[in-house]
Amino acid sequence: MLTQAEIREKVIAIVTAILPDEDLKGIKDDVTLKEQYGMDSMDLLDIAMEIRKKFNITIPDTELVQLSTLKGCVEYIHKKLSP
């Protein structure tokens, strides 16, 4: 079972791959990724798809809103991976 810190690092790596020109060192956990980096809906869908692949989880479209912040991503993934 991955810790929330490990999940956070993996999510940051995903965002870095999608936004290679952004400096994510100051990423805020509770501010939306859209607000911080001007991401559009396609970028957010790309993140969701990569999360699905990396963590081998399903994410219903109705739950995508939970992935709008780094903290939301980490908590969502942690919950999905919990037994």
Protein backbone atom coordinates (compact mmCIF):
# COMPACT_ATOMS: atom_id res chain seq x y z
CA MET A 1 0.00 0.00 0.00
CA LEU A 2 1.37 3.36 -1.01
CA THR A 3 1.49 6.19 1.51
CA GLN A 4 -0.14 9.51 0.71
CA ALA A 5 3.34 11.04 0.35
CA GLU A 6 4.29 8.40 -2.24
CA ILE A 7 1.03 8.95 -4.11
CA ARG A 8 1.64 12.72 -4.05
CA GLU A 9 5.08 12.31 -5.63
CA LYS A 10 3.65 10.07 -8.37
CA VAL A 11 0.86 12.56 -9.11
CA ILE A 12 3.38 15.41 -9.31
CA ALA A 13 5.39 13.31 -11.78
CA ILE A 14 2.24 12.86 -13.89
CA VAL A 15 1.50 16.59 -13.87
CA THR A 16 5.14 17.33 -14.72
CA ALA A 17 4.95 15.03 -17.74
CA ILE A 18 1.79 16.76 -18.96
CA LEU A 19 3.09 20.28 -18.24
CA PRO A 20 6.85 19.98 -18.85
CA ASP A 21 7.38 23.75 -19.05
CA GLU A 22 5.89 24.45 -15.60
CA ASP A 23 7.91 24.62 -12.39
CA LEU A 24 5.98 22.50 -9.90
CA LYS A 25 8.26 23.08 -6.91
CA GLY A 26 5.73 25.46 -5.35
CA ILE A 27 2.64 23.42 -6.16
CA LYS A 28 -0.15 24.04 -3.66
CA ASP A 29 -2.14 21.07 -2.42
CA ASP A 30 -5.49 22.81 -2.06
CA VAL A 31 -5.58 25.21 -5.02
CA THR A 32 -6.96 23.83 -8.27
CA LEU A 33 -4.43 22.78 -10.86
CA LYS A 34 -6.37 24.90 -13.35
CA GLU A 35 -5.90 28.03 -11.21
CA GLN A 36 -2.21 27.34 -10.58
CA TYR A 37 -1.16 26.38 -14.09
CA GLY A 38 -3.94 27.50 -16.44
CA MET A 39 -4.71 23.92 -17.38
CA ASP A 40 -7.64 23.29 -19.68
CA SER A 41 -10.12 20.43 -19.55
CA MET A 42 -8.00 18.32 -21.92
CA ASP A 43 -4.99 18.61 -19.60
CA LEU A 44 -7.15 17.54 -16.66
CA LEU A 45 -8.48 14.57 -18.64
CA ASP A 46 -4.90 13.63 -19.52
CA ILE A 47 -4.03 13.66 -15.82
CA ALA A 48 -7.04 11.47 -15.03
CA MET A 49 -6.07 9.01 -17.77
CA GLU A 50 -2.50 8.81 -16.51
CA ILE A 51 -3.71 8.29 -12.94
CA ARG A 52 -5.92 5.45 -14.18
CA LYS A 53 -2.92 3.81 -15.87
CA LYS A 54 -0.33 4.44 -13.17
CA PHE A 55 -2.50 3.27 -10.26
CA ASN A 56 -4.66 0.76 -12.15
CA ILE A 57 -7.91 2.28 -10.90
CA THR A 58 -11.18 3.25 -12.54
CA ILE A 59 -12.39 6.83 -12.32
CA PRO A 60 -16.01 7.37 -13.29
CA ASP A 61 -16.61 10.63 -15.18
CA THR A 62 -18.83 11.80 -12.33
CA GLU A 63 -15.85 11.66 -9.96
CA LEU A 64 -13.36 13.60 -12.11
CA VAL A 65 -14.10 16.79 -10.18
CA GLN A 66 -12.38 15.22 -7.16
CA LEU A 67 -9.10 15.37 -9.09
CA SER A 68 -9.09 19.16 -9.46
CA THR A 69 -6.43 19.72 -6.76
CA LEU A 70 -3.29 17.85 -5.82
CA LYS A 71 -4.77 17.07 -2.41
CA GLY A 72 -7.96 15.83 -4.07
CA CYS A 73 -5.96 13.53 -6.35
CA VAL A 74 -3.97 12.09 -3.47
CA GLU A 75 -6.99 11.50 -1.25
CA TYR A 76 -9.02 10.01 -4.11
CA ILE A 77 -6.27 7.60 -5.13
CA HIS A 78 -5.51 6.63 -1.53
CA LYS A 79 -9.18 5.83 -0.95
CA LYS A 80 -9.38 3.79 -4.17
CA LEU A 81 -6.26 1.79 -3.26
CA SER A 82 -7.37 1.11 0.32
CA PRO A 83 -8.63 -2.40 0.97
